[in-house]
Amino acid sequence: MIPDALSLLLILIIAFLFSGALAPFEALGWWAGWFGRQKEDIAKTAEPVQKPSQAKHFVIFLTGIHSVSEASFARREIALLEQLRKRMPDAMILELFPYSVTNQALTGQRFFAWFWRLALKLKLSRLAFAGFIINMRNIWQVAVSADRRYGPIYNQGTAESMALTLRRHGYTFHSGTPITLIGYSGGGQIAIGAAPYLKEIIQAPITIISMGGIMCSDPGLGAIDRLYHLYGRRDRVQRLGFLLFPGRWPLLPYSAWNQALHDGHIQLVDMGPVDHTGKDGYLDSQQKLPDGRSYLEQTVATITAIIEEKSVSSALWFGRS
């Protein structure tokens, strides 16, 4: 017997709430030392595990909630990273899977890895429901990062994963080489949450670029040099951060977000009539702006201008930030 629409909706709601209840367990297991915790390895030495890199800047890209591993399979994200590497040859651009406290891919060495491999296969075959399942799982990890109870654990684990990734690619701790975290969608919140723990480890300036990021009023804002929030006027998804987290409401002027905004540590960058993802999104290479550039070209130019400390306004299609 095929369940009716109401029954299917009830099943989805129960599954969503059940996955939410399980969401903090990976972070708690990491904290308890059951798996994946490598804090002692990080503290052992400040030297990179290979020849020190000559890169003048290190960039870590935190993918959106659609992903299952640090190596993006989304062609638009791949195009973004390729163009950034081409535009900034002196920068080391890395990827990290932010929806696991240990940077472990959903399709990696996990008990349910078979399930996530199947979900990814079905998603790539254009089955929308499979994509919804992946998104639902990763959304809850964003919620864990923003949670005042579990967030410090999750964010510390993510910061240690970032530090290990940097060290594996030749970054020298305490060298002062600047770091930029690019957080796409839910990756924006996780970048902010991890920033103070990462800064404590590496002792270097950290800048965050939020690309349509969903972010709370996180205490981590106090540890960064500046947050650039790139938002599209048609991007309803990024507005969820404002709607869901009271700390971002103007009614609370002393919240971490509003204090950082008042002090000039947050710059809101209007990207024009851009949507969150897909067609008309930040990474759309087909849709054109009045000046002839694609949305992707505008995003690449804006990120490059920020990292190279040029005027952000010069990269925007309408000539102002």
Protein backbone atom coordinates (compact mmCIF):
# COMPACT_ATOMS: atom_id res chain seq x y z
CA MET A 1 0.00 0.00 0.00
CA ILE A 2 1.41 3.40 -1.02
CA PRO A 3 1.28 5.92 1.84
CA ASP A 4 -0.71 9.05 1.26
CA ALA A 5 0.80 12.53 1.15
CA LEU A 6 0.09 13.22 4.82
CA SER A 7 1.84 10.02 5.89
CA LEU A 8 4.86 10.84 3.74
CA LEU A 9 5.01 14.31 5.27
CA LEU A 10 4.85 12.81 8.78
CA ILE A 11 7.67 10.39 7.91
CA LEU A 12 9.80 13.24 6.62
CA ILE A 13 9.20 15.31 9.75
CA ILE A 14 10.09 12.38 12.02
CA ALA A 15 13.23 11.65 9.96
CA PHE A 16 14.24 15.32 10.10
CA LEU A 17 13.83 15.51 13.88
CA PHE A 18 15.56 12.16 14.42
CA SER A 19 18.56 13.25 12.34
CA GLY A 20 18.66 16.46 14.37
CA ALA A 21 18.78 14.49 17.62
CA LEU A 22 21.74 12.49 16.29
CA ALA A 23 23.59 15.49 14.83
CA PRO A 24 25.81 16.30 17.86
CA PHE A 25 26.99 12.72 18.40
CA GLU A 26 29.94 12.84 16.01
CA ALA A 27 31.29 15.98 17.69
CA LEU A 28 30.75 14.49 21.15
CA GLY A 29 32.44 11.24 20.11
CA TRP A 30 35.41 13.20 18.77
CA TRP A 31 35.65 15.17 22.02
CA ALA A 32 35.54 11.98 24.07
CA GLY A 33 38.46 10.62 22.03
CA TRP A 34 36.53 7.75 20.47
CA PHE A 35 37.73 8.62 17.01
CA GLY A 36 39.60 11.15 14.93
CA ARG A 37 40.94 13.48 17.60
CA GLN A 38 44.51 14.55 16.73
CA LYS A 39 45.10 17.54 18.96
CA GLU A 40 48.35 16.12 20.30
CA ASP A 41 49.72 15.72 16.77
CA ILE A 42 49.09 19.41 16.09
CA ALA A 43 50.71 20.56 19.31
CA LYS A 44 53.79 18.39 18.74
CA THR A 45 55.43 20.80 16.32
CA ALA A 46 54.74 24.07 14.59
CA GLU A 47 56.68 22.98 11.51
CA PRO A 48 54.93 21.76 8.35
CA VAL A 49 55.14 18.04 7.57
CA GLN A 50 56.70 18.80 4.19
CA LYS A 51 58.94 21.53 2.79
CA PRO A 52 57.51 24.90 3.88
CA SER A 53 55.32 26.43 1.22
CA GLN A 54 56.33 29.69 -0.42
CA ALA A 55 52.69 30.74 -0.76
CA LYS A 56 52.02 34.27 0.44
CA HIS A 57 48.43 33.52 1.38
CA PHE A 58 46.48 30.39 2.29
CA VAL A 59 42.81 30.04 1.40
CA ILE A 60 40.48 27.29 2.66
CA PHE A 61 37.22 26.81 0.80
CA LEU A 62 34.34 25.40 2.87
CA THR A 63 31.80 23.94 0.50
CA GLY A 64 28.01 24.27 0.65
CA ILE A 65 25.56 21.87 2.27
CA HIS A 66 25.10 19.89 -0.95
CA SER A 67 28.51 18.22 -0.60
CA VAL A 68 29.60 14.86 0.80
CA SER A 69 33.39 15.41 0.93
CA GLU A 70 36.07 18.10 0.80
CA ALA A 71 36.69 17.52 -2.91
CA SER A 72 33.76 19.30 -4.54
CA PHE A 73 31.88 17.44 -7.25
CA ALA A 74 29.81 20.51 -8.19
CA ARG A 75 31.04 21.83 -11.53
CA ARG A 76 30.34 25.44 -10.56
CA GLU A 77 32.44 25.17 -7.39
CA ILE A 78 35.21 23.47 -9.35
CA ALA A 79 35.14 26.34 -11.85
CA LEU A 80 35.35 28.87 -8.99
CA LEU A 81 38.43 27.22 -7.49
CA GLU A 82 40.12 26.86 -10.87
CA GLN A 83 39.65 30.55 -11.62
CA LEU A 84 40.84 31.61 -8.17
CA ARG A 85 44.00 29.53 -8.58
CA LYS A 86 44.58 31.10 -11.98
CA ARG A 87 44.01 34.65 -10.69
CA MET A 88 46.12 34.19 -7.53
CA PRO A 89 49.16 32.02 -8.34
CA ASP A 90 50.90 33.10 -5.11
CA ALA A 91 48.06 31.74 -2.94
CA MET A 92 47.57 28.16 -1.80
CA ILE A 93 43.88 27.31 -2.23
CA LEU A 94 42.66 24.27 -0.31
CA GLU A 95 39.33 22.54 0.28
CA LEU A 96 37.78 21.19 3.47
CA PHE A 97 34.55 19.33 4.21
CA PRO A 98 33.03 21.44 6.98
CA TYR A 99 30.11 19.14 7.83
CA SER A 100 32.25 16.65 9.72
CA VAL A 101 34.18 17.53 12.84
CA THR A 102 37.06 15.37 11.55
CA ASN A 103 36.92 16.45 7.88
CA GLN A 104 35.84 12.90 7.04
CA ALA A 105 33.81 12.50 3.87
CA LEU A 106 30.35 11.02 4.23
CA THR A 107 31.40 8.50 1.60
CA GLY A 108 34.64 7.68 3.46
CA GLN A 109 35.33 5.21 6.26
CA ARG A 110 31.98 5.50 8.00
CA PHE A 111 29.45 2.92 9.12
CA PHE A 112 26.82 4.42 6.82
CA ALA A 113 29.23 5.26 4.00
CA TRP A 114 27.34 2.88 1.69
CA PHE A 115 24.17 4.89 2.24
CA TRP A 116 25.84 8.21 1.41
CA ARG A 117 27.49 6.73 -1.69
CA LEU A 118 24.06 5.61 -2.83
CA ALA A 119 22.57 9.02 -2.03
CA LEU A 120 25.31 10.76 -3.99
CA LYS A 121 24.83 8.41 -6.94
CA LEU A 122 21.11 9.08 -6.96
CA LYS A 123 21.67 12.82 -6.62
CA LEU A 124 24.00 12.83 -9.60
CA SER A 125 21.30 11.00 -11.53
CA ARG A 126 19.04 14.01 -10.86
CA LEU A 127 16.90 12.46 -8.12
CA ALA A 128 15.96 15.53 -6.06
CA PHE A 129 15.02 13.59 -2.92
CA ALA A 130 18.55 12.19 -2.58
CA GLY A 131 19.91 15.72 -2.64
CA PHE A 132 17.39 16.70 0.03
CA ILE A 133 18.65 13.93 2.34
CA ILE A 134 22.27 15.10 1.99
CA ASN A 135 21.27 18.73 2.55
CA MET A 136 19.18 17.81 5.61
CA ARG A 137 22.08 15.95 7.19
CA ASN A 138 24.51 18.84 6.62
CA ILE A 139 22.06 21.52 7.75
CA TRP A 140 21.98 19.91 11.17
CA GLN A 141 25.78 20.12 11.37
CA VAL A 142 25.51 23.86 10.72
CA ALA A 143 23.00 24.00 13.58
CA VAL A 144 25.45 22.15 15.84
CA SER A 145 28.16 24.70 15.00
CA ALA A 146 25.80 27.54 15.94
CA ASP A 147 24.60 25.85 19.14
CA ARG A 148 26.03 27.32 22.36
CA ARG A 149 26.19 23.86 23.97
CA TYR A 150 27.80 21.73 21.25
CA GLY A 151 29.22 24.46 19.03
CA PRO A 152 32.51 24.96 20.91
CA ILE A 153 33.29 21.25 20.57
CA TYR A 154 32.33 21.07 16.90
CA ASN A 155 34.14 24.27 16.02
CA GLN A 156 37.33 23.28 17.82
CA GLY A 157 37.38 19.99 15.94
CA THR A 158 36.88 21.79 12.64
CA ALA A 159 39.68 24.22 13.49
CA GLU A 160 42.05 21.34 14.19
CA SER A 161 41.11 19.76 10.85
CA MET A 162 41.90 23.09 9.19
CA ALA A 163 45.25 23.30 10.99
CA LEU A 164 46.20 19.77 9.91
CA THR A 165 45.21 20.54 6.33
CA LEU A 166 47.35 23.69 6.37
CA ARG A 167 50.33 21.87 7.85
CA ARG A 168 50.09 19.06 5.28
CA HIS A 169 50.36 21.69 2.55
CA GLY A 170 53.45 23.39 3.93
CA TYR A 171 52.00 26.08 6.19
CA THR A 172 54.26 27.08 9.08
CA PHE A 173 52.43 27.86 12.31
CA HIS A 174 53.24 31.20 13.98
CA SER A 175 54.70 32.50 10.70
CA GLY A 176 52.04 35.19 10.39
CA THR A 177 51.08 34.09 6.87
CA PRO A 178 47.46 35.24 6.48
CA ILE A 179 44.56 32.83 6.17
CA THR A 180 41.26 33.41 4.38
CA LEU A 181 38.29 31.11 4.93
CA ILE A 182 35.67 31.13 2.16
CA GLY A 183 32.40 29.76 3.53
CA TYR A 184 29.70 29.00 0.99
CA SER A 185 26.16 28.73 2.38
CA GLY A 186 26.38 26.77 5.66
CA GLY A 187 30.16 26.90 5.41
CA GLY A 188 29.94 30.55 6.45
CA GLN A 189 28.75 29.69 9.95
CA ILE A 190 31.32 26.94 10.40
CA ALA A 191 34.10 29.30 9.26
CA ILE A 192 33.12 31.85 11.92
CA GLY A 193 32.76 29.19 14.60
CA ALA A 194 36.18 27.67 13.91
CA ALA A 195 38.06 30.97 13.54
CA PRO A 196 39.01 31.63 17.20
CA TYR A 197 40.30 28.06 17.70
CA LEU A 198 42.25 28.14 14.44
CA LYS A 199 43.78 31.50 15.33
CA GLU A 200 44.92 30.14 18.69
CA ILE A 201 46.72 27.30 16.89
CA ILE A 202 48.34 29.16 14.00
CA GLN A 203 48.76 32.66 15.51
CA ALA A 204 48.05 34.48 12.23
CA PRO A 205 45.43 36.91 10.91
CA ILE A 206 42.18 35.33 9.65
CA THR A 207 39.71 36.84 7.20
CA ILE A 208 36.38 35.24 6.35
CA ILE A 209 34.53 35.60 3.06
CA SER A 210 30.93 34.48 3.34
CA MET A 211 29.38 33.59 -0.01
CA GLY A 212 25.67 33.60 0.72
CA GLY A 213 26.56 32.35 4.20
CA ILE A 214 24.00 31.37 6.82
CA MET A 215 25.51 32.68 10.06
CA CYS A 216 24.54 33.31 13.65
CA SER A 217 25.86 35.98 16.02
CA ASP A 218 28.88 33.82 16.84
CA PRO A 219 31.49 34.83 19.46
CA GLY A 220 34.09 33.81 16.87
CA LEU A 221 33.51 37.15 15.17
CA GLY A 222 35.77 38.70 17.78
CA ALA A 223 38.78 36.66 16.61
CA ILE A 224 38.78 37.56 12.93
CA ASP A 225 40.22 40.59 11.18
CA ARG A 226 37.15 41.08 9.02
CA LEU A 227 34.11 39.27 7.65
CA TYR A 228 32.99 40.05 4.11
CA HIS A 229 29.43 38.83 3.57
CA LEU A 230 28.68 38.53 -0.14
CA TYR A 231 24.93 38.42 -0.64
CA GLY A 232 22.64 38.43 -3.64
CA ARG A 233 19.41 40.39 -3.64
CA ARG A 234 17.53 37.29 -4.79
CA ASP A 235 19.25 34.98 -2.31
CA ARG A 236 16.51 34.05 0.17
CA VAL A 237 18.60 31.27 1.69
CA GLN A 238 21.24 33.57 3.18
CA ARG A 239 18.45 35.60 4.79
CA LEU A 240 17.73 32.63 7.06
CA GLY A 241 20.71 33.63 9.20
CA PHE A 242 19.03 36.95 9.97
CA LEU A 243 15.61 35.39 10.51
CA LEU A 244 16.64 32.41 12.65
CA PHE A 245 19.28 33.97 14.91
CA PRO A 246 18.05 36.83 17.17
CA GLY A 247 21.62 37.97 17.76
CA ARG A 248 21.60 39.44 14.26
CA TRP A 249 18.46 41.50 14.86
CA PRO A 250 18.98 45.26 15.26
CA LEU A 251 17.01 45.06 18.52
CA LEU A 252 20.10 43.55 20.20
CA PRO A 253 22.85 46.12 19.62
CA TYR A 254 25.31 44.44 22.01
CA SER A 255 25.30 41.02 20.34
CA ALA A 256 28.56 39.77 18.83
CA TRP A 257 27.21 40.35 15.31
CA ASN A 258 25.96 43.89 15.85
CA GLN A 259 29.08 44.88 17.77
CA ALA A 260 31.29 43.61 14.94
CA LEU A 261 29.08 45.40 12.43
CA HIS A 262 29.30 48.63 14.41
CA ASP A 263 33.08 48.35 14.76
CA GLY A 264 33.54 47.84 11.02
CA HIS A 265 34.68 44.21 11.24
CA ILE A 266 31.76 43.10 9.02
CA GLN A 267 31.37 44.42 5.50
CA LEU A 268 28.17 43.58 3.63
CA VAL A 269 28.85 43.28 -0.10
CA ASP A 270 25.81 43.58 -2.37
CA MET A 271 26.34 41.29 -5.37
CA GLY A 272 23.31 42.53 -7.28
CA PRO A 273 20.40 40.38 -8.58
CA VAL A 274 22.08 37.09 -7.69
CA ASP A 275 20.45 33.93 -6.28
CA HIS A 276 21.92 31.42 -3.81
CA THR A 277 22.85 28.54 -6.08
CA GLY A 278 22.32 26.96 -9.46
CA LYS A 279 21.10 29.08 -12.34
CA ASP A 280 21.40 32.79 -11.46
CA GLY A 281 23.57 31.90 -8.44
CA TYR A 282 26.91 33.33 -7.38
CA LEU A 283 28.73 30.76 -9.53
CA ASP A 284 26.60 30.93 -12.68
CA SER A 285 28.92 31.36 -15.67
CA GLN A 286 26.08 31.94 -18.14
CA GLN A 287 24.03 34.78 -16.65
CA LYS A 288 25.52 38.17 -17.52
CA LEU A 289 25.68 41.50 -15.70
CA PRO A 290 25.20 44.86 -17.44
CA ASP A 291 28.98 45.19 -17.86
CA GLY A 292 29.17 41.88 -19.74
CA ARG A 293 30.70 39.79 -16.95
CA SER A 294 29.08 36.60 -15.72
CA TYR A 295 27.96 36.16 -12.12
CA LEU A 296 30.89 33.78 -11.64
CA GLU A 297 33.36 36.34 -12.99
CA GLN A 298 31.99 38.94 -10.58
CA THR A 299 32.33 36.54 -7.64
CA VAL A 300 35.90 35.62 -8.59
CA ALA A 301 36.84 39.30 -9.01
CA THR A 302 35.31 40.22 -5.64
CA ILE A 303 37.04 37.40 -3.75
CA THR A 304 40.35 38.16 -5.45
CA ALA A 305 40.04 41.86 -4.58
CA ILE A 306 39.42 41.03 -0.93
CA ILE A 307 42.33 38.59 -0.65
CA GLU A 308 44.71 40.91 -2.47
CA GLU A 309 43.45 43.79 -0.28
CA LYS A 310 42.26 45.86 -3.18
CA SER A 311 39.12 47.97 -3.22
CA VAL A 312 36.15 45.62 -3.14
CA SER A 313 33.95 48.20 -4.85
CA SER A 314 36.07 48.02 -7.99
CA ALA A 315 35.08 44.38 -8.40
CA LEU A 316 31.33 44.94 -8.20
CA TRP A 317 29.10 45.31 -11.19
CA PHE A 318 27.33 48.41 -9.93
CA GLY A 319 30.48 50.13 -8.68
CA ARG A 320 29.74 50.30 -4.95
CA SER A 321 29.77 48.03 -1.91
